[in-house]
Protein backbone atom coordinates (compact mmCIF):
# COMPACT_ATOMS: atom_id res chain seq x y z
CA ALA A 1 2.37 -5.89 -6.45
CA ALA A 2 4.71 -8.97 -6.61
CA PHE A 3 1.99 -10.66 -4.62
CA MET A 4 -0.83 -9.72 -6.70
CA GLN A 5 0.85 -10.74 -9.78
CA ARG A 6 1.44 -14.57 -8.57
CA TYR A 7 -1.84 -14.35 -7.55
CA ARG A 8 -3.19 -13.25 -10.96
CA GLU A 9 -1.06 -16.61 -12.59
CA ASN A 10 -2.53 -18.59 -10.20
CA PRO A 11 -6.00 -17.69 -8.43
CA SER A 12 -7.04 -20.76 -7.35
CA ASP A 13 -3.50 -21.46 -5.06
CA LEU A 14 -4.58 -21.74 -1.54
CA ASN A 15 -1.41 -20.36 -0.14
CA LEU A 16 -1.84 -17.18 -1.99
CA LEU A 17 -5.46 -16.79 -0.49
CA LEU A 18 -4.21 -17.46 2.87
CA GLU A 19 -1.43 -14.84 2.65
CA MET A 20 -3.71 -12.53 0.75
CA THR A 21 -5.61 -12.42 4.43
CA ASP A 22 -2.29 -11.42 5.86
CA TRP A 23 -1.99 -8.71 2.97
CA ILE A 24 -5.47 -7.36 3.84
CA SER A 25 -4.92 -6.92 7.31
CA ARG A 26 -1.58 -4.92 6.49
CA THR A 27 -3.32 -2.69 4.02
CA GLU A 28 -5.74 -1.95 6.73
CA THR A 29 -2.78 -0.90 9.05
CA ILE A 30 -0.66 1.39 6.21
CA THR A 31 -4.11 3.02 5.30
CA ASP A 32 -4.81 4.22 8.80
CA GLU A 33 -1.34 5.43 9.06
CA LEU A 34 -1.73 7.43 5.74
CA ASP A 35 -4.67 8.77 7.32
CA LYS A 36 -2.81 10.09 10.10
CA LEU A 37 -0.05 11.38 8.28
CA ASP A 38 -3.00 13.08 6.03
CA ALA A 39 -4.49 14.96 9.03
CA SER A 40 -0.87 16.10 10.55
CA GLN A 41 0.45 17.68 6.68
CA GLU A 42 -0.21 20.88 7.97
CA GLU A 43 2.68 20.00 11.01
CA MET A 44 5.46 18.91 8.61
CA ASN A 45 8.50 20.82 7.57
CA ALA A 46 9.07 21.45 3.94
CA ALA A 47 11.53 18.06 3.68
CA GLU A 48 8.83 15.91 5.49
CA LEU A 49 6.19 16.78 3.38
CA GLN A 50 8.47 16.37 0.17
CA TYR A 51 9.26 12.66 1.48
CA TYR A 52 5.60 11.95 2.34
CA LEU A 53 4.51 13.10 -1.16
CA GLU A 54 7.22 11.06 -2.71
CA SER A 55 6.09 8.06 -0.94
CA THR A 56 2.68 8.31 -1.22
CA ALA A 57 3.07 8.46 -4.92
CA LYS A 58 5.45 5.39 -4.54
CA ILE A 59 2.80 3.36 -2.82
CA TYR A 60 -0.31 4.40 -5.24
CA GLY A 61 1.68 3.64 -8.11
CA LEU A 62 2.61 0.34 -6.76
CA ILE A 63 -1.29 -0.29 -5.89
CA ALA A 64 -2.12 0.76 -9.23
CA GLN A 65 0.19 -1.14 -11.08
CA ALA A 66 -0.78 -4.29 -8.88
CA ALA A 67 -4.44 -3.54 -9.95
CA GLY A 68 -3.67 -3.48 -13.24
């Protein structure tokens, strides 16, 4: 979210564009890991599922804020 704010303020900053490449790679990795967790929800106990739901809600909230 902080990166997206800096990017919105100065989209022509070449350093930010390079940093964005790194963020895209990280996003793909995180998405892959979340997909694996989505598939394993049936194997989670109640505490693990609660933590998973809270964490993904926070992640998606940050993504929505950054896209804002």
